PDB file of N, CA and C in Angstrom:
ATOM      1  N   MET A   1     109.763 125.056-253.066  1.00  0.00           N
ATOM      2  CA  MET A   1     109.576 124.628-254.454  1.00  0.00           C
ATOM      3  C   MET A   1     108.086 124.652-254.781  1.00  0.00           C
ATOM      4  N   ILE A   2     107.738 125.163-255.922  1.00  0.00           N
ATOM      5  CA  ILE A   2     106.335 125.229-256.315  1.00  0.00           C
ATOM      6  C   ILE A   2     105.909 123.889-256.919  1.00  0.00           C
ATOM      7  N   ASP A   3     104.632 123.656-256.867  1.00  0.00           N
ATOM      8  CA  ASP A   3     104.064 122.440-257.438  1.00  0.00           C
ATOM      9  C   ASP A   3     103.717 122.721-258.898  1.00  0.00           C
ATOM     10  N   ASN A   4     104.527 122.186-259.806  1.00  0.00           N
ATOM     11  CA  ASN A   4     104.342 122.440-261.235  1.00  0.00           C
ATOM     12  C   ASN A   4     102.962 122.013-261.714  1.00  0.00           C
ATOM     13  N   GLU A   5     102.495 120.888-261.226  1.00  0.00           N
ATOM     14  CA  GLU A   5     101.194 120.375-261.653  1.00  0.00           C
ATOM     15  C   GLU A   5     100.069 121.340-261.288  1.00  0.00           C
ATOM     16  N   SER A   6     100.150 121.928-260.106  1.00  0.00           N
ATOM     17  CA  SER A   6      99.129 122.896-259.681  1.00  0.00           C
ATOM     18  C   SER A   6      99.149 124.145-260.556  1.00  0.00           C
ATOM     19  N   VAL A   7     100.339 124.593-260.903  1.00  0.00           N
ATOM     20  CA  VAL A   7     100.466 125.774-261.752  1.00  0.00           C
ATOM     21  C   VAL A   7      99.881 125.485-263.134  1.00  0.00           C
ATOM     22  N   ILE A   8     100.155 124.321-263.672  1.00  0.00           N
ATOM     23  CA  ILE A   8      99.620 123.951-264.988  1.00  0.00           C
ATOM     24  C   ILE A   8      98.096 123.875-264.933  1.00  0.00           C
ATOM     25  N   LEU A   9      97.553 123.317-263.858  1.00  0.00           N
ATOM     26  CA  LEU A   9      96.092 123.270-263.699  1.00  0.00           C
ATOM     27  C   LEU A   9      95.506 124.676-263.690  1.00  0.00           C
ATOM     28  N   GLU A  10      96.153 125.588-262.981  1.00  0.00           N
ATOM     29  CA  GLU A  10      95.667 126.976-262.927  1.00  0.00           C
ATOM     30  C   GLU A  10      95.757 127.644-264.300  1.00  0.00           C
ATOM     31  N   LEU A  11      96.859 127.427-264.996  1.00  0.00           N
ATOM     32  CA  LEU A  11      96.995 128.000-266.342  1.00  0.00           C
ATOM     33  C   LEU A  11      95.914 127.468-267.269  1.00  0.00           C
ATOM     34  N   ASN A  12      95.641 126.188-267.177  1.00  0.00           N
ATOM     35  CA  ASN A  12      94.607 125.607-268.041  1.00  0.00           C
ATOM     36  C   ASN A  12      93.215 126.116-267.686  1.00  0.00           C
ATOM     37  N   LYS A  13      92.968 126.418-266.412  1.00  0.00           N
ATOM     38  CA  LYS A  13      91.680 127.018-266.024  1.00  0.00           C
ATOM     39  C   LYS A  13      91.516 128.398-266.662  1.00  0.00           C
ATOM     40  N   LEU A  14      92.631 129.125-266.771  1.00  0.00           N
ATOM     41  CA  LEU A  14      92.574 130.478-267.322  1.00  0.00           C
ATOM     42  C   LEU A  14      92.216 130.496-268.806  1.00  0.00           C
ATOM     43  N   LEU A  15      92.304 129.361-269.455  1.00  0.00           N
ATOM     44  CA  LEU A  15      91.938 129.295-270.873  1.00  0.00           C
ATOM     45  C   LEU A  15      90.450 129.535-271.101  1.00  0.00           C
ATOM     46  N   THR A  16      89.637 129.276-270.086  1.00  0.00           N
ATOM     47  CA  THR A  16      88.185 129.330-270.287  1.00  0.00           C
ATOM     48  C   THR A  16      87.449 130.329-269.391  1.00  0.00           C
ATOM     49  N   ILE A  17      88.162 131.080-268.553  1.00  0.00           N
ATOM     50  CA  ILE A  17      87.463 132.004-267.665  1.00  0.00           C
ATOM     51  C   ILE A  17      86.837 133.146-268.453  1.00  0.00           C
ATOM     52  N   ASP A  18      85.791 133.734-267.885  1.00  0.00           N
ATOM     53  CA  ASP A  18      85.072 134.808-268.580  1.00  0.00           C
ATOM     54  C   ASP A  18      85.858 136.109-268.632  1.00  0.00           C
ATOM     55  N   GLU A  19      86.464 136.485-267.521  1.00  0.00           N
ATOM     56  CA  GLU A  19      87.196 137.750-267.488  1.00  0.00           C
ATOM     57  C   GLU A  19      88.691 137.462-267.553  1.00  0.00           C
ATOM     58  N   PHE A  20      89.191 137.366-268.773  1.00  0.00           N
ATOM     59  CA  PHE A  20      90.591 137.028-268.988  1.00  0.00           C
ATOM     60  C   PHE A  20      91.494 138.159-268.546  1.00  0.00           C
ATOM     61  N   ASN A  21      92.582 137.790-267.868  1.00  0.00           N
ATOM     62  CA  ASN A  21      93.563 138.755-267.406  1.00  0.00           C
ATOM     63  C   ASN A  21      94.949 138.139-267.620  1.00  0.00           C
ATOM     64  N   PHE A  22      95.716 138.683-268.560  1.00  0.00           N
ATOM     65  CA  PHE A  22      97.016 138.090-268.857  1.00  0.00           C
ATOM     66  C   PHE A  22      97.968 138.205-267.674  1.00  0.00           C
ATOM     67  N   GLU A  23      97.757 139.148-266.780  1.00  0.00           N
ATOM     68  CA  GLU A  23      98.633 139.264-265.610  1.00  0.00           C
ATOM     69  C   GLU A  23      98.601 137.981-264.778  1.00  0.00           C
ATOM     70  N   GLN A  24      97.444 137.332-264.731  1.00  0.00           N
ATOM     71  CA  GLN A  24      97.356 136.059-264.005  1.00  0.00           C
ATOM     72  C   GLN A  24      98.182 134.986-264.709  1.00  0.00           C
ATOM     73  N   VAL A  25      98.052 134.919-266.020  1.00  0.00           N
ATOM     74  CA  VAL A  25      98.841 133.960-266.800  1.00  0.00           C
ATOM     75  C   VAL A  25     100.318 134.249-266.591  1.00  0.00           C
ATOM     76  N   ASP A  26     100.685 135.500-266.702  1.00  0.00           N
ATOM     77  CA  ASP A  26     102.073 135.898-266.552  1.00  0.00           C
ATOM     78  C   ASP A  26     102.609 135.561-265.161  1.00  0.00           C
ATOM     79  N   TYR A  27     101.790 135.750-264.134  1.00  0.00           N
ATOM     80  CA  TYR A  27     102.206 135.418-262.766  1.00  0.00           C
ATOM     81  C   TYR A  27     102.592 133.945-262.657  1.00  0.00           C
ATOM     82  N   PHE A  28     101.763 133.063-263.198  1.00  0.00           N
ATOM     83  CA  PHE A  28     102.046 131.631-263.122  1.00  0.00           C
ATOM     84  C   PHE A  28     103.270 131.260-263.954  1.00  0.00           C
ATOM     85  N   ILE A  29     103.399 131.866-265.123  1.00  0.00           N
ATOM     86  CA  ILE A  29     104.558 131.585-265.965  1.00  0.00           C
ATOM     87  C   ILE A  29     105.835 132.059-265.279  1.00  0.00           C
ATOM     88  N   GLN A  30     105.786 133.240-264.700  1.00  0.00           N
ATOM     89  CA  GLN A  30     106.966 133.762-264.006  1.00  0.00           C
ATOM     90  C   GLN A  30     107.335 132.889-262.810  1.00  0.00           C
ATOM     91  N   SER A  31     106.352 132.361-262.108  1.00  0.00           N
ATOM     92  CA  SER A  31     106.669 131.494-260.969  1.00  0.00           C
ATOM     93  C   SER A  31     107.359 130.216-261.445  1.00  0.00           C
ATOM     94  N   LEU A  32     106.930 129.680-262.576  1.00  0.00           N
ATOM     95  CA  LEU A  32     107.619 128.513-263.139  1.00  0.00           C
ATOM     96  C   LEU A  32     109.032 128.879-263.593  1.00  0.00           C
ATOM     97  N   LYS A  33     109.166 130.041-264.210  1.00  0.00           N
ATOM     98  CA  LYS A  33     110.484 130.465-264.688  1.00  0.00           C
ATOM     99  C   LYS A  33     111.455 130.668-263.535  1.00  0.00           C
ATOM    100  N   GLU A  34     110.999 131.256-262.450  1.00  0.00           N
ATOM    101  CA  GLU A  34     111.873 131.530-261.314  1.00  0.00           C
ATOM    102  C   GLU A  34     112.345 130.254-260.631  1.00  0.00           C
ATOM    103  N   HIS A  35     111.468 129.276-260.528  1.00  0.00           N
ATOM    104  CA  HIS A  35     111.796 128.066-259.779  1.00  0.00           C
ATOM    105  C   HIS A  35     112.375 126.951-260.642  1.00  0.00           C
ATOM    106  N   ASN A  36     112.147 126.987-261.919  1.00  0.00           N
ATOM    107  CA  ASN A  36     112.571 125.880-262.780  1.00  0.00           C
ATOM    108  C   ASN A  36     113.392 126.301-263.983  1.00  0.00           C
ATOM    109  N   LYS A  37     113.657 127.598-264.126  1.00  0.00           N
ATOM    110  CA  LYS A  37     114.344 128.087-265.325  1.00  0.00           C
ATOM    111  C   LYS A  37     113.679 127.534-266.579  1.00  0.00           C
ATOM    112  N   VAL A  38     112.375 127.670-266.600  1.00  0.00           N
ATOM    113  CA  VAL A  38     111.554 127.090-267.659  1.00  0.00           C
ATOM    114  C   VAL A  38     111.698 127.855-268.975  1.00  0.00           C
ATOM    115  N   ILE A  39     111.603 127.133-270.061  1.00  0.00           N
ATOM    116  CA  ILE A  39     111.599 127.704-271.405  1.00  0.00           C
ATOM    117  C   ILE A  39     110.175 127.584-271.941  1.00  0.00           C
ATOM    118  N   ILE A  40     109.624 128.688-272.443  1.00  0.00           N
ATOM    119  CA  ILE A  40     108.253 128.695-272.943  1.00  0.00           C
ATOM    120  C   ILE A  40     108.278 128.377-274.435  1.00  0.00           C
ATOM    121  N   LYS A  41     107.429 127.455-274.829  1.00  0.00           N
ATOM    122  CA  LYS A  41     107.360 127.037-276.234  1.00  0.00           C
ATOM    123  C   LYS A  41     105.904 126.975-276.655  1.00  0.00           C
ATOM    124  N   LEU A  42     105.576 127.716-277.704  1.00  0.00           N
ATOM    125  CA  LEU A  42     104.245 127.693-278.289  1.00  0.00           C
ATOM    126  C   LEU A  42     104.236 126.658-279.405  1.00  0.00           C
ATOM    127  N   ILE A  43     103.339 125.689-279.312  1.00  0.00           N
ATOM    128  CA  ILE A  43     103.176 124.663-280.334  1.00  0.00           C
ATOM    129  C   ILE A  43     101.852 124.969-281.039  1.00  0.00           C
ATOM    130  N   ASP A  44     101.943 125.495-282.248  1.00  0.00           N
ATOM    131  CA  ASP A  44     100.761 125.995-282.956  1.00  0.00           C
ATOM    132  C   ASP A  44     100.152 124.918-283.858  1.00  0.00           C
ATOM    133  N   PHE A  45      99.288 124.099-283.253  1.00  0.00           N
ATOM    134  CA  PHE A  45      98.625 123.042-284.004  1.00  0.00           C
ATOM    135  C   PHE A  45      97.568 123.584-284.958  1.00  0.00           C
ATOM    136  N   GLU A  46      97.098 124.788-284.722  1.00  0.00           N
ATOM    137  CA  GLU A  46      96.123 125.382-285.634  1.00  0.00           C
ATOM    138  C   GLU A  46      96.791 125.736-286.966  1.00  0.00           C
ATOM    139  N   TYR A  47      98.009 126.216-286.911  1.00  0.00           N
ATOM    140  CA  TYR A  47      98.721 126.591-288.135  1.00  0.00           C
ATOM    141  C   TYR A  47      99.240 125.353-288.871  1.00  0.00           C
ATOM    142  N   TYR A  48      99.912 124.483-288.144  1.00  0.00           N
ATOM    143  CA  TYR A  48     100.495 123.277-288.741  1.00  0.00           C
ATOM    144  C   TYR A  48      99.462 122.156-288.699  1.00  0.00           C
ATOM    145  N   ASN A  49      98.506 122.219-289.610  1.00  0.00           N
ATOM    146  CA  ASN A  49      97.385 121.272-289.589  1.00  0.00           C
ATOM    147  C   ASN A  49      97.326 120.447-290.875  1.00  0.00           C
ATOM    148  N   GLU A  50      96.354 119.558-290.947  1.00  0.00           N
ATOM    149  CA  GLU A  50      96.207 118.667-292.098  1.00  0.00           C
ATOM    150  C   GLU A  50      95.944 119.432-293.391  1.00  0.00           C
ATOM    151  N   GLU A  51      95.156 120.487-293.302  1.00  0.00           N
ATOM    152  CA  GLU A  51      94.845 121.288-294.487  1.00  0.00           C
ATOM    153  C   GLU A  51      96.106 121.932-295.065  1.00  0.00           C
ATOM    154  N   ARG A  52      96.931 122.496-294.197  1.00  0.00           N
ATOM    155  CA  ARG A  52      98.186 123.120-294.648  1.00  0.00           C
ATOM    156  C   ARG A  52      99.137 122.052-295.194  1.00  0.00           C
ATOM    157  N   LEU A  53      99.131 120.873-294.586  1.00  0.00           N
ATOM    158  CA  LEU A  53      99.942 119.751-295.072  1.00  0.00           C
ATOM    159  C   LEU A  53      99.550 119.379-296.498  1.00  0.00           C
ATOM    160  N   ASP A  54      98.250 119.229-296.736  1.00  0.00           N
ATOM    161  CA  ASP A  54      97.762 118.881-298.076  1.00  0.00           C
ATOM    162  C   ASP A  54      98.108 119.963-299.090  1.00  0.00           C
ATOM    163  N   LYS A  55      97.923 121.223-298.700  1.00  0.00           N
ATOM    164  CA  LYS A  55      98.215 122.334-299.607  1.00  0.00           C
ATOM    165  C   LYS A  55      99.709 122.379-299.946  1.00  0.00           C
ATOM    166  N   ALA A  56     100.561 122.187-298.945  1.00  0.00           N
ATOM    167  CA  ALA A  56     102.008 122.196-299.181  1.00  0.00           C
ATOM    168  C   ALA A  56     102.400 121.050-300.104  1.00  0.00           C
ATOM    169  N   ASN A  57     101.775 119.893-299.926  1.00  0.00           N
ATOM    170  CA  ASN A  57     102.064 118.742-300.773  1.00  0.00           C
ATOM    171  C   ASN A  57     101.680 119.025-302.221  1.00  0.00           C
ATOM    172  N   LYS A  58     100.500 119.575-302.434  1.00  0.00           N
ATOM    173  CA  LYS A  58     100.043 119.897-303.790  1.00  0.00           C
ATOM    174  C   LYS A  58     100.926 120.964-304.437  1.00  0.00           C
ATOM    175  N   GLU A  59     101.262 121.992-303.654  1.00  0.00           N
ATOM    176  CA  GLU A  59     102.132 123.059-304.178  1.00  0.00           C
ATOM    177  C   GLU A  59     103.511 122.502-304.530  1.00  0.00           C
ATOM    178  N   LYS A  60     104.024 121.602-303.713  1.00  0.00           N
ATOM    179  CA  LYS A  60     105.326 120.990-303.975  1.00  0.00           C
ATOM    180  C   LYS A  60     105.312 120.252-305.313  1.00  0.00           C
ATOM    181  N   ILE A  61     104.269 119.491-305.558  1.00  0.00           N
ATOM    182  CA  ILE A  61     104.148 118.727-306.805  1.00  0.00           C
ATOM    183  C   ILE A  61     104.084 119.654-308.012  1.00  0.00           C
ATOM    184  N   ILE A  62     103.293 120.710-307.896  1.00  0.00           N
ATOM    185  CA  ILE A  62     103.176 121.685-308.985  1.00  0.00           C
ATOM    186  C   ILE A  62     104.524 122.356-309.245  1.00  0.00           C
ATOM    187  N   CYS A  63     105.216 122.733-308.181  1.00  0.00           N
ATOM    188  CA  CYS A  63     106.507 123.417-308.334  1.00  0.00           C
ATOM    189  C   CYS A  63     107.553 122.507-308.974  1.00  0.00           C
ATOM    190  N   VAL A  64     107.527 121.234-308.641  1.00  0.00           N
ATOM    191  CA  VAL A  64     108.452 120.287-309.277  1.00  0.00           C
ATOM    192  C   VAL A  64     108.144 120.194-310.768  1.00  0.00           C
ATOM    193  N   GLN A  65     106.868 120.118-311.107  1.00  0.00           N
ATOM    194  CA  GLN A  65     106.471 120.045-312.516  1.00  0.00           C
ATOM    195  C   GLN A  65     106.900 121.296-313.287  1.00  0.00           C
ATOM    196  N   LEU A  66     106.860 122.428-312.605  1.00  0.00           N
ATOM    197  CA  LEU A  66     107.258 123.696-313.221  1.00  0.00           C
ATOM    198  C   LEU A  66     108.768 123.941-313.101  1.00  0.00           C
ATOM    199  N   GLN A  67     109.454 123.006-312.491  1.00  0.00           N
ATOM    200  CA  GLN A  67     110.895 123.074-312.253  1.00  0.00           C
ATOM    201  C   GLN A  67     111.302 124.283-311.414  1.00  0.00           C
ATOM    202  N   ASN A  68     110.425 124.663-310.513  1.00  0.00           N
ATOM    203  CA  ASN A  68     110.739 125.700-309.535  1.00  0.00           C
ATOM    204  C   ASN A  68     111.159 124.969-308.253  1.00  0.00           C
ATOM    205  N   PHE A  69     112.413 124.513-308.272  1.00  0.00           N
ATOM    206  CA  PHE A  69     112.870 123.614-307.220  1.00  0.00           C
ATOM    207  C   PHE A  69     113.064 124.305-305.872  1.00  0.00           C
ATOM    208  N   GLU A  70     113.347 125.584-305.899  1.00  0.00           N
ATOM    209  CA  GLU A  70     113.498 126.322-304.644  1.00  0.00           C
ATOM    210  C   GLU A  70     112.155 126.390-303.907  1.00  0.00           C
ATOM    211  N   LYS A  71     111.112 126.733-304.643  1.00  0.00           N
ATOM    212  CA  LYS A  71     109.781 126.794-304.036  1.00  0.00           C
ATOM    213  C   LYS A  71     109.293 125.391-303.664  1.00  0.00           C
ATOM    214  N   ALA A  72     109.642 124.398-304.469  1.00  0.00           N
ATOM    215  CA  ALA A  72     109.277 123.007-304.149  1.00  0.00           C
ATOM    216  C   ALA A  72     109.932 122.585-302.835  1.00  0.00           C
ATOM    217  N   ALA A  73     111.185 122.965-302.650  1.00  0.00           N
ATOM    218  CA  ALA A  73     111.902 122.622-301.409  1.00  0.00           C
ATOM    219  C   ALA A  73     111.268 123.320-300.204  1.00  0.00           C
ATOM    220  N   SER A  74     110.858 124.559-300.410  1.00  0.00           N
ATOM    221  CA  SER A  74     110.193 125.298-299.333  1.00  0.00           C
ATOM    222  C   SER A  74     108.884 124.611-298.931  1.00  0.00           C
ATOM    223  N   ASN A  75     108.121 124.179-299.922  1.00  0.00           N
ATOM    224  CA  ASN A  75     106.873 123.474-299.640  1.00  0.00           C
ATOM    225  C   ASN A  75     107.130 122.111-299.007  1.00  0.00           C
ATOM    226  N   ARG A  76     108.204 121.455-299.425  1.00  0.00           N
ATOM    227  CA  ARG A  76     108.580 120.177-298.814  1.00  0.00           C
ATOM    228  C   ARG A  76     108.895 120.372-297.324  1.00  0.00           C
ATOM    229  N   ASP A  77     109.624 121.458-297.015  1.00  0.00           N
ATOM    230  CA  ASP A  77     109.958 121.747-295.621  1.00  0.00           C
ATOM    231  C   ASP A  77     108.711 122.019-294.794  1.00  0.00           C
ATOM    232  N   LEU A  78     107.784 122.791-295.366  1.00  0.00           N
ATOM    233  CA  LEU A  78     106.523 123.066-294.682  1.00  0.00           C
ATOM    234  C   LEU A  78     105.727 121.776-294.487  1.00  0.00           C
ATOM    235  N   GLU A  79     105.727 120.945-295.493  1.00  0.00           N
ATOM    236  CA  GLU A  79     105.031 119.661-295.422  1.00  0.00           C
ATOM    237  C   GLU A  79     105.611 118.807-294.286  1.00  0.00           C
ATOM    238  N   MET A  80     106.928 118.759-294.180  1.00  0.00           N
ATOM    239  CA  MET A  80     107.579 117.977-293.118  1.00  0.00           C
ATOM    240  C   MET A  80     107.280 118.557-291.736  1.00  0.00           C
ATOM    241  N   GLU A  81     107.265 119.874-291.644  1.00  0.00           N
ATOM    242  CA  GLU A  81     106.970 120.536-290.365  1.00  0.00           C
ATOM    243  C   GLU A  81     105.524 120.241-289.945  1.00  0.00           C
ATOM    244  N   CYS A  82     104.595 120.346-290.882  1.00  0.00           N
ATOM    245  CA  CYS A  82     103.194 120.036-290.597  1.00  0.00           C
ATOM    246  C   CYS A  82     103.049 118.587-290.124  1.00  0.00           C
ATOM    247  N   LYS A  83     103.703 117.694-290.813  1.00  0.00           N
ATOM    248  CA  LYS A  83     103.633 116.278-290.461  1.00  0.00           C
ATOM    249  C   LYS A  83     104.147 116.047-289.044  1.00  0.00           C
ATOM    250  N   LYS A  84     105.240 116.722-288.700  1.00  0.00           N
ATOM    251  CA  LYS A  84     105.813 116.600-287.360  1.00  0.00           C
ATOM    252  C   LYS A  84     104.809 117.053-286.285  1.00  0.00           C
ATOM    253  N   TYR A  85     104.171 118.169-286.522  1.00  0.00           N
ATOM    254  CA  TYR A  85     103.195 118.696-285.561  1.00  0.00           C
ATOM    255  C   TYR A  85     101.963 117.794-285.478  1.00  0.00           C
ATOM    256  N   ILE A  86     101.483 117.340-286.610  1.00  0.00           N
ATOM    257  CA  ILE A  86     100.307 116.464-286.635  1.00  0.00           C
ATOM    258  C   ILE A  86     100.597 115.164-285.900  1.00  0.00           C
ATOM    259  N   ASP A  87     101.772 114.596-286.134  1.00  0.00           N
ATOM    260  CA  ASP A  87     102.152 113.364-285.444  1.00  0.00           C
ATOM    261  C   ASP A  87     102.243 113.574-283.938  1.00  0.00           C
ATOM    262  N   LEU A  88     102.816 114.700-283.516  1.00  0.00           N
ATOM    263  CA  LEU A  88     102.920 115.009-282.090  1.00  0.00           C
ATOM    264  C   LEU A  88     101.536 115.157-281.463  1.00  0.00           C
ATOM    265  N   LYS A  89     100.669 115.890-282.141  1.00  0.00           N
ATOM    266  CA  LYS A  89      99.304 116.091-281.634  1.00  0.00           C
ATOM    267  C   LYS A  89      98.589 114.750-281.473  1.00  0.00           C
ATOM    268  N   ASN A  90      98.716 113.892-282.468  1.00  0.00           N
ATOM    269  CA  ASN A  90      98.067 112.586-282.406  1.00  0.00           C
ATOM    270  C   ASN A  90      98.690 111.688-281.345  1.00  0.00           C
ATOM    271  N   GLU A  91     100.005 111.707-281.251  1.00  0.00           N
ATOM    272  CA  GLU A  91     100.704 110.877-280.264  1.00  0.00           C
ATOM    273  C   GLU A  91     100.311 111.243-278.834  1.00  0.00           C
ATOM    274  N   LEU A  92     100.173 112.550-278.579  1.00  0.00           N
ATOM    275  CA  LEU A  92      99.819 113.011-277.234  1.00  0.00           C
ATOM    276  C   LEU A  92      98.313 113.072-277.001  1.00  0.00           C
ATOM    277  N   GLY A  93      97.538 112.863-278.046  1.00  0.00           N
ATOM    278  CA  GLY A  93      96.087 112.904-277.914  1.00  0.00           C
ATOM    279  C   GLY A  93      95.548 114.283-277.592  1.00  0.00           C
ATOM    280  N   ILE A  94      96.163 115.300-278.130  1.00  0.00           N
ATOM    281  CA  ILE A  94      95.754 116.686-277.875  1.00  0.00           C
ATOM    282  C   ILE A  94      94.513 116.988-278.714  1.00  0.00           C
ATOM    283  N   VAL A  95      93.415 117.367-278.051  1.00  0.00           N
ATOM    284  CA  VAL A  95      92.187 117.714-278.767  1.00  0.00           C
ATOM    285  C   VAL A  95      91.739 119.146-278.472  1.00  0.00           C
ATOM    286  N   ASN A  96      92.264 119.728-277.410  1.00  0.00           N
ATOM    287  CA  ASN A  96      91.963 121.111-277.053  1.00  0.00           C
ATOM    288  C   ASN A  96      93.257 121.810-276.661  1.00  0.00           C
ATOM    289  N   SER A  97      93.247 123.109-276.725  1.00  0.00           N
ATOM    290  CA  SER A  97      94.408 123.876-276.301  1.00  0.00           C
ATOM    291  C   SER A  97      94.672 123.620-274.824  1.00  0.00           C
ATOM    292  N   GLU A  98      95.960 123.549-274.465  1.00  0.00           N
ATOM    293  CA  GLU A  98      96.311 123.318-273.069  1.00  0.00           C
ATOM    294  C   GLU A  98      97.779 123.623-272.831  1.00  0.00           C
ATOM    295  N   PHE A  99      98.084 123.883-271.572  1.00  0.00           N
ATOM    296  CA  PHE A  99      99.457 124.031-271.125  1.00  0.00           C
ATOM    297  C   PHE A  99      99.938 122.671-270.642  1.00  0.00           C
ATOM    298  N   HIS A 100     101.225 122.453-270.800  1.00  0.00           N
ATOM    299  CA  HIS A 100     101.827 121.190-270.364  1.00  0.00           C
ATOM    300  C   HIS A 100     103.259 121.500-269.940  1.00  0.00           C
ATOM    301  N   PHE A 101     103.699 120.866-268.850  1.00  0.00           N
ATOM    302  CA  PHE A 101     105.061 121.055-268.369  1.00  0.00           C
ATOM    303  C   PHE A 101     105.840 119.768-268.582  1.00  0.00           C
ATOM    304  N   GLU A 102     106.996 119.888-269.230  1.00  0.00           N
ATOM    305  CA  GLU A 102     107.822 118.714-269.507  1.00  0.00           C
ATOM    306  C   GLU A 102     109.293 119.113-269.506  1.00  0.00           C
ATOM    307  N   GLN A 103     110.066 118.577-268.581  1.00  0.00           N
ATOM    308  CA  GLN A 103     111.524 118.760-268.523  1.00  0.00           C
ATOM    309  C   GLN A 103     111.952 120.213-268.737  1.00  0.00           C
ATOM    310  N   ASN A 104     111.507 121.081-267.867  1.00  0.00           N
ATOM    311  CA  ASN A 104     111.838 122.509-267.896  1.00  0.00           C
ATOM    312  C   ASN A 104     111.306 123.262-269.111  1.00  0.00           C
ATOM    313  N   TYR A 105     110.340 122.693-269.786  1.00  0.00           N
ATOM    314  CA  TYR A 105     109.647 123.376-270.875  1.00  0.00           C
ATOM    315  C   TYR A 105     108.189 123.572-270.481  1.00  0.00           C
ATOM    316  N   LEU A 106     107.723 124.797-270.597  1.00  0.00           N
ATOM    317  CA  LEU A 106     106.299 125.060-270.489  1.00  0.00           C
ATOM    318  C   LEU A 106     105.788 125.095-271.920  1.00  0.00           C
ATOM    319  N   LEU A 107     105.023 124.091-272.284  1.00  0.00           N
ATOM    320  CA  LEU A 107     104.497 123.967-273.635  1.00  0.00           C
ATOM    321  C   LEU A 107     103.064 124.472-273.660  1.00  0.00           C
ATOM    322  N   TYR A 108     102.762 125.289-274.648  1.00  0.00           N
ATOM    323  CA  TYR A 108     101.391 125.713-274.849  1.00  0.00           C
ATOM    324  C   TYR A 108     100.930 125.142-276.174  1.00  0.00           C
ATOM    325  N   PHE A 109     100.091 124.125-276.090  1.00  0.00           N
ATOM    326  CA  PHE A 109      99.545 123.483-277.275  1.00  0.00           C
ATOM    327  C   PHE A 109      98.334 124.293-277.722  1.00  0.00           C
ATOM    328  N   TYR A 110      98.496 125.012-278.810  1.00  0.00           N
ATOM    329  CA  TYR A 110      97.464 125.930-279.293  1.00  0.00           C
ATOM    330  C   TYR A 110      96.683 125.302-280.437  1.00  0.00           C
ATOM    331  N   LEU A 111      95.364 125.195-280.246  1.00  0.00           N
ATOM    332  CA  LEU A 111      94.491 124.703-281.311  1.00  0.00           C
ATOM    333  C   LEU A 111      93.402 125.708-281.672  1.00  0.00           C
ATOM    334  N   GLY A 112      93.299 126.797-280.924  1.00  0.00           N
ATOM    335  CA  GLY A 112      92.242 127.771-281.180  1.00  0.00           C
ATOM    336  C   GLY A 112      90.886 127.293-280.704  1.00  0.00           C
ATOM    337  N   THR A 113      90.847 126.402-279.726  1.00  0.00           N
ATOM    338  CA  THR A 113      89.600 125.798-279.278  1.00  0.00           C
ATOM    339  C   THR A 113      89.074 126.357-277.964  1.00  0.00           C
ATOM    340  N   SER A 114      89.862 127.128-277.257  1.00  0.00           N
ATOM    341  CA  SER A 114      89.439 127.644-275.958  1.00  0.00           C
ATOM    342  C   SER A 114      89.083 129.119-276.049  1.00  0.00           C
ATOM    343  N   LYS A 115      88.280 129.541-275.115  1.00  0.00           N
ATOM    344  CA  LYS A 115      87.753 130.907-275.097  1.00  0.00           C
ATOM    345  C   LYS A 115      88.855 131.977-275.171  1.00  0.00           C
ATOM    346  N   ASN A 116      89.936 131.778-274.439  1.00  0.00           N
ATOM    347  CA  ASN A 116      90.978 132.803-274.342  1.00  0.00           C
ATOM    348  C   ASN A 116      92.254 132.458-275.106  1.00  0.00           C
ATOM    349  N   ASP A 117      92.167 131.483-275.970  1.00  0.00           N
ATOM    350  CA  ASP A 117      93.321 131.026-276.744  1.00  0.00           C
ATOM    351  C   ASP A 117      94.065 132.143-277.460  1.00  0.00           C
ATOM    352  N   ARG A 118      93.332 132.923-278.204  1.00  0.00           N
ATOM    353  CA  ARG A 118      93.977 133.934-279.047  1.00  0.00           C
ATOM    354  C   ARG A 118      94.704 134.993-278.209  1.00  0.00           C
ATOM    355  N   TYR A 119      94.129 135.336-277.066  1.00  0.00           N
ATOM    356  CA  TYR A 119      94.789 136.296-276.176  1.00  0.00           C
ATOM    357  C   TYR A 119      96.090 135.718-275.641  1.00  0.00           C
ATOM    358  N   ILE A 120      96.023 134.479-275.201  1.00  0.00           N
ATOM    359  CA  ILE A 120      97.210 133.841-274.628  1.00  0.00           C
ATOM    360  C   ILE A 120      98.280 133.685-275.689  1.00  0.00           C
ATOM    361  N   LYS A 121      97.907 133.217-276.858  1.00  0.00           N
ATOM    362  CA  LYS A 121      98.879 133.034-277.949  1.00  0.00           C
ATOM    363  C   LYS A 121      99.558 134.355-278.286  1.00  0.00           C
ATOM    364  N   ALA A 122      98.770 135.398-278.475  1.00  0.00           N
ATOM    365  CA  ALA A 122      99.333 136.705-278.832  1.00  0.00           C
ATOM    366  C   ALA A 122     100.285 137.215-277.754  1.00  0.00           C
ATOM    367  N   ASN A 123      99.880 137.086-276.505  1.00  0.00           N
ATOM    368  CA  ASN A 123     100.712 137.586-275.416  1.00  0.00           C
ATOM    369  C   ASN A 123     101.978 136.745-275.219  1.00  0.00           C
ATOM    370  N   LEU A 124     101.861 135.437-275.381  1.00  0.00           N
ATOM    371  CA  LEU A 124     103.052 134.595-275.269  1.00  0.00           C
ATOM    372  C   LEU A 124     104.042 134.918-276.376  1.00  0.00           C
ATOM    373  N   LYS A 125     103.544 135.106-277.581  1.00  0.00           N
ATOM    374  CA  LYS A 125     104.431 135.437-278.703  1.00  0.00           C
ATOM    375  C   LYS A 125     105.113 136.777-278.474  1.00  0.00           C
ATOM    376  N   MET A 126     104.354 137.733-277.983  1.00  0.00           N
ATOM    377  CA  MET A 126     104.880 139.068-277.781  1.00  0.00           C
ATOM    378  C   MET A 126     105.908 139.091-276.638  1.00  0.00           C
ATOM    379  N   LYS A 127     105.613 138.383-275.573  1.00  0.00           N
ATOM    380  CA  LYS A 127     106.434 138.504-274.377  1.00  0.00           C
ATOM    381  C   LYS A 127     107.543 137.463-274.266  1.00  0.00           C
ATOM    382  N   TYR A 128     107.317 136.254-274.780  1.00  0.00           N
ATOM    383  CA  TYR A 128     108.262 135.164-274.502  1.00  0.00           C
ATOM    384  C   TYR A 128     108.919 134.551-275.720  1.00  0.00           C
ATOM    385  N   GLN A 129     108.554 134.927-276.908  1.00  0.00           N
ATOM    386  CA  GLN A 129     109.154 134.284-278.088  1.00  0.00           C
ATOM    387  C   GLN A 129     110.214 135.163-278.702  1.00  0.00           C
TER     388      GLN A 129
END
């Protein structure tokens, strides 16, 4: 059995190395998948942020005033999704991008704060989502 904590530490180190190589990231993810039947989940805190929450709220109000209820509902849904992500980020105290393992889920908390964030996000979306 592999040590999940060690794998997560290695994945988090890869966020800041100078010579990024996705094969290394993939190796660690595959080892978790083989031993734990892990599900990979990207949590995009950069997208679902306070600014987007405020914008969705303002757009929702405008759409209600214009009686465009379909668009208002869409903005309400986005507002609720943003709130959910913001609450999770605050509850867990996430301030930088990081990998986290929880109950057969490999979570990648993406904030766009680490050197190799964008590479990892793009590759995870392409390969595992």
